[in-house]
Amino acid sequence: MLRFPWQDVRRALGELASVTPRTEAVHLAYVNPETGRECLAALGFSALQLRPGEELRLPRRSASAVLHVVDGAGTAVVDDATHRFETADTLAVPTHADLMLINASGTTPAYLFVVDDAPLQRKLGIYEVHAATAR
């Protein structure tokens, strides 16, 4: 399966949000339904929902990532740099960066599409995840 219609992904994120504790990210990985593995050998794809008013601190990872804002607005704090984002913006997150995402709306979710190089790093045996650091 190479196509994941956004309406299906958005619905799945909504269902996941209803059973995910507020302390955890609503994060859905795109996987090959036949193998359960990543869709591509070198890149990972996923979707992230920021609930209304949510401030989400993600763990530091050795993988770099690109976040594309599908819908919504907010702020991304990458290490010590603050970036406002809105629909259709794209942000880069370097390796080992502290990342906090803040949904600007108290009433509607924000949705981001994520591409990272974690699958390649896992294959090379260099992938690392560290607890998010408090700021």
N, C-alpha and C. Protein backbone atom coordinates (compact mmCIF):
# COMPACT_ATOMS: atom_id res chain seq x y z
N MET A 1 0.85 -1.18 0.00
CA MET A 1 0.00 0.00 0.00
C MET A 1 0.89 1.23 0.00
N LEU A 2 0.76 2.03 -1.03
CA LEU A 2 1.58 3.23 -1.15
C LEU A 2 0.78 4.50 -0.96
N ARG A 3 -0.50 4.39 -0.82
CA ARG A 3 -1.34 5.58 -0.67
C ARG A 3 -2.16 5.47 0.61
N PHE A 4 -2.07 6.50 1.42
CA PHE A 4 -2.82 6.57 2.67
C PHE A 4 -3.66 7.85 2.60
N PRO A 5 -4.92 7.76 2.21
CA PRO A 5 -5.74 8.97 2.07
C PRO A 5 -5.78 9.76 3.39
N TRP A 6 -5.59 11.07 3.29
CA TRP A 6 -5.53 11.90 4.49
C TRP A 6 -6.80 11.79 5.34
N GLN A 7 -7.97 11.70 4.70
CA GLN A 7 -9.21 11.61 5.48
C GLN A 7 -9.18 10.37 6.37
N ASP A 8 -8.59 9.27 5.90
CA ASP A 8 -8.49 8.06 6.72
C ASP A 8 -7.48 8.25 7.86
N VAL A 9 -6.37 8.91 7.56
CA VAL A 9 -5.34 9.16 8.58
C VAL A 9 -5.91 10.09 9.66
N ARG A 10 -6.58 11.13 9.24
CA ARG A 10 -7.16 12.08 10.20
C ARG A 10 -8.19 11.40 11.10
N ARG A 11 -9.02 10.55 10.52
CA ARG A 11 -10.01 9.81 11.31
C ARG A 11 -9.31 8.87 12.31
N ALA A 12 -8.26 8.19 11.85
CA ALA A 12 -7.52 7.29 12.73
C ALA A 12 -6.85 8.05 13.86
N LEU A 13 -6.32 9.24 13.58
CA LEU A 13 -5.73 10.07 14.64
C LEU A 13 -6.79 10.47 15.66
N GLY A 14 -7.98 10.82 15.19
CA GLY A 14 -9.06 11.18 16.12
C GLY A 14 -9.43 10.02 17.02
N GLU A 15 -9.51 8.81 16.44
CA GLU A 15 -9.81 7.63 17.25
C GLU A 15 -8.69 7.34 18.24
N LEU A 16 -7.44 7.48 17.79
CA LEU A 16 -6.30 7.26 18.67
C LEU A 16 -6.28 8.29 19.80
N ALA A 17 -6.61 9.54 19.49
CA ALA A 17 -6.64 10.60 20.52
C ALA A 17 -7.65 10.28 21.62
N SER A 18 -8.73 9.60 21.26
CA SER A 18 -9.76 9.31 22.26
C SER A 18 -9.33 8.27 23.29
N VAL A 19 -8.27 7.51 22.99
CA VAL A 19 -7.80 6.48 23.93
C VAL A 19 -6.36 6.71 24.39
N THR A 20 -5.75 7.80 23.94
CA THR A 20 -4.37 8.11 24.31
C THR A 20 -4.36 9.09 25.48
N PRO A 21 -3.64 8.77 26.55
CA PRO A 21 -3.56 9.71 27.68
C PRO A 21 -2.98 11.06 27.24
N ARG A 22 -3.42 12.13 27.91
CA ARG A 22 -2.95 13.48 27.57
C ARG A 22 -1.43 13.63 27.72
N THR A 23 -0.81 12.74 28.46
CA THR A 23 0.65 12.81 28.67
C THR A 23 1.42 12.17 27.53
N GLU A 24 0.72 11.55 26.57
CA GLU A 24 1.37 10.88 25.45
C GLU A 24 0.98 11.52 24.13
N ALA A 25 1.88 11.41 23.15
CA ALA A 25 1.62 11.96 21.82
C ALA A 25 0.60 11.12 21.07
N VAL A 26 -0.21 11.79 20.28
CA VAL A 26 -1.11 11.12 19.35
C VAL A 26 -0.33 11.05 18.04
N HIS A 27 0.34 9.93 17.84
CA HIS A 27 1.32 9.78 16.77
C HIS A 27 1.06 8.45 16.07
N LEU A 28 0.84 8.48 14.78
CA LEU A 28 0.47 7.31 14.01
C LEU A 28 1.50 7.07 12.91
N ALA A 29 2.16 5.91 12.95
CA ALA A 29 3.17 5.58 11.94
C ALA A 29 2.51 5.01 10.69
N TYR A 30 3.04 5.38 9.55
CA TYR A 30 2.62 4.77 8.29
C TYR A 30 3.45 3.50 8.13
N VAL A 31 2.77 2.37 8.01
CA VAL A 31 3.48 1.10 7.84
C VAL A 31 2.87 0.32 6.68
N ASN A 32 3.66 -0.59 6.15
CA ASN A 32 3.19 -1.49 5.12
C ASN A 32 2.26 -2.50 5.79
N PRO A 33 0.98 -2.55 5.41
CA PRO A 33 0.04 -3.44 6.10
C PRO A 33 0.35 -4.93 5.90
N GLU A 34 1.13 -5.27 4.88
CA GLU A 34 1.48 -6.67 4.65
C GLU A 34 2.63 -7.13 5.53
N THR A 35 3.54 -6.20 5.89
CA THR A 35 4.73 -6.60 6.65
C THR A 35 4.77 -5.99 8.05
N GLY A 36 4.03 -4.89 8.27
CA GLY A 36 4.11 -4.19 9.55
C GLY A 36 5.36 -3.34 9.68
N ARG A 37 6.14 -3.26 8.63
CA ARG A 37 7.39 -2.47 8.65
C ARG A 37 7.16 -1.13 7.96
N GLU A 38 8.20 -0.27 8.04
CA GLU A 38 8.13 1.03 7.39
C GLU A 38 7.81 0.87 5.90
N CYS A 39 7.22 1.91 5.33
CA CYS A 39 6.88 1.89 3.91
C CYS A 39 8.12 1.92 3.03
N LEU A 40 9.15 2.65 3.47
CA LEU A 40 10.42 2.72 2.75
C LEU A 40 11.54 2.30 3.69
N ALA A 41 12.59 1.75 3.13
CA ALA A 41 13.69 1.23 3.94
C ALA A 41 14.48 2.32 4.66
N ALA A 42 14.55 3.51 4.09
CA ALA A 42 15.40 4.55 4.66
C ALA A 42 14.65 5.67 5.36
N LEU A 43 13.36 5.84 5.05
CA LEU A 43 12.60 6.95 5.61
C LEU A 43 11.35 6.45 6.32
N GLY A 44 11.03 7.12 7.43
CA GLY A 44 9.81 6.84 8.16
C GLY A 44 8.81 7.95 7.92
N PHE A 45 7.55 7.59 7.85
CA PHE A 45 6.47 8.55 7.65
C PHE A 45 5.46 8.36 8.77
N SER A 46 4.95 9.45 9.30
CA SER A 46 3.97 9.37 10.36
C SER A 46 3.13 10.64 10.37
N ALA A 47 2.06 10.60 11.16
CA ALA A 47 1.20 11.76 11.32
C ALA A 47 1.05 12.01 12.82
N LEU A 48 0.97 13.28 13.16
CA LEU A 48 0.92 13.70 14.55
C LEU A 48 -0.26 14.64 14.72
N GLN A 49 -1.06 14.40 15.76
CA GLN A 49 -2.15 15.32 16.10
C GLN A 49 -1.80 16.02 17.40
N LEU A 50 -1.88 17.35 17.38
CA LEU A 50 -1.77 18.13 18.60
C LEU A 50 -3.19 18.47 19.03
N ARG A 51 -3.59 17.97 20.18
CA ARG A 51 -4.94 18.24 20.68
C ARG A 51 -5.08 19.74 21.00
N PRO A 52 -6.31 20.24 21.07
CA PRO A 52 -6.51 21.67 21.37
C PRO A 52 -5.75 22.08 22.63
N GLY A 53 -4.96 23.16 22.49
CA GLY A 53 -4.20 23.70 23.61
C GLY A 53 -3.03 22.86 24.06
N GLU A 54 -2.73 21.79 23.38
CA GLU A 54 -1.69 20.87 23.83
C GLU A 54 -0.28 21.44 23.66
N GLU A 55 0.54 21.20 24.67
CA GLU A 55 1.98 21.46 24.61
C GLU A 55 2.65 20.11 24.71
N LEU A 56 3.31 19.69 23.66
CA LEU A 56 3.87 18.35 23.57
C LEU A 56 5.39 18.41 23.46
N ARG A 57 6.07 17.84 24.43
CA ARG A 57 7.53 17.75 24.40
C ARG A 57 7.88 16.34 23.92
N LEU A 58 8.55 16.26 22.78
CA LEU A 58 8.91 14.96 22.22
C LEU A 58 10.31 14.56 22.68
N PRO A 59 10.57 13.25 22.74
CA PRO A 59 11.90 12.81 23.15
C PRO A 59 12.97 13.22 22.14
N ARG A 60 14.19 13.43 22.64
CA ARG A 60 15.31 13.72 21.73
C ARG A 60 15.67 12.42 21.01
N ARG A 61 15.92 12.53 19.71
CA ARG A 61 16.26 11.36 18.91
C ARG A 61 17.46 11.65 18.03
N SER A 62 18.16 10.60 17.68
CA SER A 62 19.29 10.77 16.76
C SER A 62 18.80 11.03 15.34
N ALA A 63 17.56 10.70 15.06
CA ALA A 63 16.99 10.90 13.72
C ALA A 63 16.65 12.37 13.49
N SER A 64 16.94 12.84 12.30
CA SER A 64 16.46 14.17 11.92
C SER A 64 15.05 14.01 11.37
N ALA A 65 14.30 15.11 11.33
CA ALA A 65 12.92 15.03 10.86
C ALA A 65 12.52 16.30 10.13
N VAL A 66 11.53 16.15 9.28
CA VAL A 66 10.88 17.27 8.62
C VAL A 66 9.41 17.17 9.00
N LEU A 67 8.85 18.27 9.50
CA LEU A 67 7.45 18.33 9.89
C LEU A 67 6.71 19.24 8.92
N HIS A 68 5.64 18.74 8.33
CA HIS A 68 4.83 19.57 7.44
C HIS A 68 3.47 19.76 8.10
N VAL A 69 3.04 21.00 8.22
CA VAL A 69 1.77 21.31 8.88
C VAL A 69 0.63 21.13 7.88
N VAL A 70 -0.17 20.12 8.12
CA VAL A 70 -1.31 19.83 7.25
C VAL A 70 -2.46 20.77 7.58
N ASP A 71 -2.68 21.00 8.87
CA ASP A 71 -3.79 21.86 9.29
C ASP A 71 -3.51 22.37 10.70
N GLY A 72 -3.75 23.65 10.93
CA GLY A 72 -3.59 24.21 12.26
C GLY A 72 -2.46 25.22 12.34
N ALA A 73 -2.23 25.71 13.55
CA ALA A 73 -1.19 26.70 13.79
C ALA A 73 -0.65 26.52 15.19
N GLY A 74 0.56 26.99 15.39
CA GLY A 74 1.15 26.88 16.71
C GLY A 74 2.58 27.34 16.74
N THR A 75 3.31 26.79 17.68
CA THR A 75 4.70 27.15 17.88
C THR A 75 5.52 25.88 18.03
N ALA A 76 6.69 25.88 17.42
CA ALA A 76 7.66 24.80 17.60
C ALA A 76 8.88 25.42 18.26
N VAL A 77 9.30 24.84 19.36
CA VAL A 77 10.53 25.27 20.02
C VAL A 77 11.55 24.17 19.76
N VAL A 78 12.54 24.48 18.94
CA VAL A 78 13.60 23.54 18.56
C VAL A 78 14.87 24.02 19.24
N ASP A 79 15.33 23.25 20.23
CA ASP A 79 16.41 23.69 21.11
C ASP A 79 16.02 25.06 21.67
N ASP A 80 16.75 26.10 21.39
CA ASP A 80 16.41 27.42 21.94
C ASP A 80 15.76 28.35 20.91
N ALA A 81 15.42 27.82 19.75
CA ALA A 81 14.82 28.64 18.70
C ALA A 81 13.30 28.42 18.64
N THR A 82 12.56 29.52 18.63
CA THR A 82 11.11 29.46 18.60
C THR A 82 10.62 29.81 17.19
N HIS A 83 9.76 28.96 16.65
CA HIS A 83 9.24 29.15 15.29
C HIS A 83 7.72 29.03 15.32
N ARG A 84 7.03 30.03 14.81
CA ARG A 84 5.58 29.94 14.68
C ARG A 84 5.30 29.19 13.38
N PHE A 85 4.24 28.40 13.39
CA PHE A 85 3.86 27.66 12.18
C PHE A 85 2.37 27.75 11.96
N GLU A 86 1.99 27.56 10.69
CA GLU A 86 0.59 27.50 10.31
C GLU A 86 0.45 26.54 9.14
N THR A 87 -0.78 26.30 8.73
CA THR A 87 -1.05 25.36 7.65
C THR A 87 -0.14 25.61 6.45
N ALA A 88 0.44 24.55 5.92
CA ALA A 88 1.31 24.52 4.74
C ALA A 88 2.76 24.88 5.04
N ASP A 89 3.11 25.18 6.30
CA ASP A 89 4.51 25.42 6.65
C ASP A 89 5.24 24.10 6.80
N THR A 90 6.55 24.15 6.63
CA THR A 90 7.41 22.98 6.79
C THR A 90 8.57 23.37 7.68
N LEU A 91 8.89 22.51 8.66
CA LEU A 91 9.95 22.77 9.64
C LEU A 91 10.96 21.62 9.61
N ALA A 92 12.23 21.94 9.81
CA ALA A 92 13.26 20.91 9.93
C ALA A 92 13.68 20.79 11.39
N VAL A 93 13.85 19.56 11.85
CA VAL A 93 14.30 19.29 13.22
C VAL A 93 15.60 18.49 13.12
N PRO A 94 16.71 19.08 13.54
CA PRO A 94 18.00 18.38 13.43
C PRO A 94 18.13 17.24 14.44
N THR A 95 19.14 16.44 14.25
CA THR A 95 19.39 15.32 15.16
C THR A 95 19.63 15.82 16.58
N HIS A 96 19.19 15.03 17.54
CA HIS A 96 19.38 15.27 18.97
C HIS A 96 18.80 16.59 19.48
N ALA A 97 17.87 17.18 18.73
CA ALA A 97 17.28 18.45 19.16
C ALA A 97 16.17 18.21 20.18
N ASP A 98 16.06 19.15 21.13
CA ASP A 98 14.89 19.20 21.99
C ASP A 98 13.77 19.79 21.16
N LEU A 99 12.58 19.20 21.25
CA LEU A 99 11.46 19.68 20.44
C LEU A 99 10.20 19.75 21.29
N MET A 100 9.60 20.93 21.30
CA MET A 100 8.30 21.10 21.92
C MET A 100 7.37 21.72 20.89
N LEU A 101 6.18 21.14 20.75
CA LEU A 101 5.17 21.64 19.83
C LEU A 101 3.98 22.12 20.64
N ILE A 102 3.47 23.31 20.29
CA ILE A 102 2.37 23.92 21.03
C ILE A 102 1.26 24.27 20.04
N ASN A 103 0.08 23.73 20.27
CA ASN A 103 -1.06 24.06 19.43
C ASN A 103 -1.59 25.43 19.86
N ALA A 104 -1.69 26.35 18.91
CA ALA A 104 -2.15 27.71 19.22
C ALA A 104 -3.64 27.77 19.52
N SER A 105 -4.39 26.77 19.07
CA SER A 105 -5.83 26.80 19.26
C SER A 105 -6.24 26.00 20.50
N GLY A 106 -7.15 26.58 21.26
CA GLY A 106 -7.71 25.87 22.40
C GLY A 106 -8.97 25.09 22.04
N THR A 107 -9.37 25.14 20.76
CA THR A 107 -10.61 24.49 20.38
C THR A 107 -10.47 23.46 19.25
N THR A 108 -9.43 23.57 18.44
CA THR A 108 -9.28 22.63 17.31
C THR A 108 -7.89 22.00 17.31
N PRO A 109 -7.80 20.75 16.86
CA PRO A 109 -6.50 20.09 16.78
C PRO A 109 -5.65 20.67 15.64
N ALA A 110 -4.36 20.43 15.73
CA ALA A 110 -3.43 20.72 14.64
C ALA A 110 -2.89 19.38 14.17
N TYR A 111 -2.58 19.28 12.88
CA TYR A 111 -2.11 18.03 12.29
C TYR A 111 -0.81 18.26 11.55
N LEU A 112 0.16 17.38 11.80
CA LEU A 112 1.46 17.47 11.14
C LEU A 112 1.82 16.13 10.51
N PHE A 113 2.43 16.19 9.35
CA PHE A 113 2.97 15.02 8.67
C PHE A 113 4.46 15.02 8.94
N VAL A 114 5.01 13.87 9.32
CA VAL A 114 6.40 13.78 9.74
C VAL A 114 7.15 12.80 8.84
N VAL A 115 8.33 13.22 8.39
CA VAL A 115 9.26 12.35 7.66
C VAL A 115 10.56 12.35 8.43
N ASP A 116 11.11 11.16 8.71
CA ASP A 116 12.38 11.10 9.44
C ASP A 116 13.28 10.00 8.87
N ASP A 117 14.51 9.99 9.33
CA ASP A 117 15.46 8.97 8.85
C ASP A 117 15.72 7.88 9.90
N ALA A 118 14.77 7.68 10.80
CA ALA A 118 14.92 6.65 11.83
C ALA A 118 15.06 5.24 11.26
N PRO A 119 14.30 4.85 10.21
CA PRO A 119 14.48 3.49 9.69
C PRO A 119 15.92 3.21 9.23
N LEU A 120 16.52 4.16 8.54
CA LEU A 120 17.90 3.98 8.10
C LEU A 120 18.84 3.87 9.30
N GLN A 121 18.65 4.74 10.28
CA GLN A 121 19.51 4.69 11.46
C GLN A 121 19.35 3.38 12.23
N ARG A 122 18.12 2.86 12.29
CA ARG A 122 17.92 1.56 12.96
C ARG A 122 18.67 0.46 12.22
N LYS A 123 18.62 0.49 10.89
CA LYS A 123 19.33 -0.53 10.11
C LYS A 123 20.84 -0.42 10.30
N LEU A 124 21.35 0.78 10.50
CA LEU A 124 22.78 0.98 10.72
C LEU A 124 23.19 0.76 12.17
N GLY A 125 22.21 0.59 13.06
CA GLY A 125 22.50 0.36 14.47
C GLY A 125 22.92 1.60 15.23
N ILE A 126 22.52 2.79 14.73
CA ILE A 126 22.94 4.03 15.38
C ILE A 126 21.77 4.84 15.95
N TYR A 127 20.57 4.32 15.84
CA TYR A 127 19.39 5.07 16.29
C TYR A 127 19.36 5.15 17.81
N GLU A 128 19.08 6.35 18.34
CA GLU A 128 18.99 6.57 19.79
C GLU A 128 17.78 7.44 20.10
N VAL A 129 17.17 7.17 21.25
CA VAL A 129 16.08 8.00 21.77
C VAL A 129 16.42 8.32 23.21
N HIS A 130 16.28 9.59 23.58
CA HIS A 130 16.56 10.05 24.94
C HIS A 130 15.33 10.76 25.47
N ALA A 131 15.12 10.66 26.75
CA ALA A 131 13.99 11.37 27.37
C ALA A 131 14.09 12.87 27.04
N ALA A 132 12.94 13.48 26.88
CA ALA A 132 12.91 14.92 26.65
C ALA A 132 13.47 15.63 27.87
N THR A 133 14.21 16.69 27.61
CA THR A 133 14.75 17.47 28.72
C THR A 133 13.81 18.59 29.09
N ALA A 134 13.64 18.80 30.36
CA ALA A 134 12.77 19.88 30.85
C ALA A 134 13.46 21.21 30.65
N ARG A 135 12.69 22.20 30.31
CA ARG A 135 13.24 23.56 30.11
C ARG A 135 12.52 24.50 31.02
